[in-house]
């Protein structure tokens, strides 16, 4: 199993942009896809975006459609998530995931095999 390192979170203001990054700790890792989810206090974990590592197909959750861009570096197994025009409702702990469900139609579910520890993003009004 691999450990994932997430970075780029913090406190930002409404309207700002930020980029979250995720990569395996210490080595590259073979995974068909990588994804970002988020979880706000008292709420269920929510799909944000996913990307196929070879082909680059991208999927987005409704909450970031039009504001989010997920990208990847296949050689280093790194995934970035940029969110523009941040809103207070984007405040959450953001989790990176690898080892996706078999079918791409299920990539918006939480049935991913390996998760990062999460990184906090707080958007002030």
Foldseek 3Di string as FASTA:
>chain_A
DWAKDKDWADEAAQQAKTKIKMFTPPAHDDFQKKFKWWDAPPDDIFGAKMAGLPPGDIDGDPVQVVFWDWDADNVRGMIMIMGGRDDQVVWTWMKMATQADPDPVCRRPPPTDDIYPTDTHGYHD
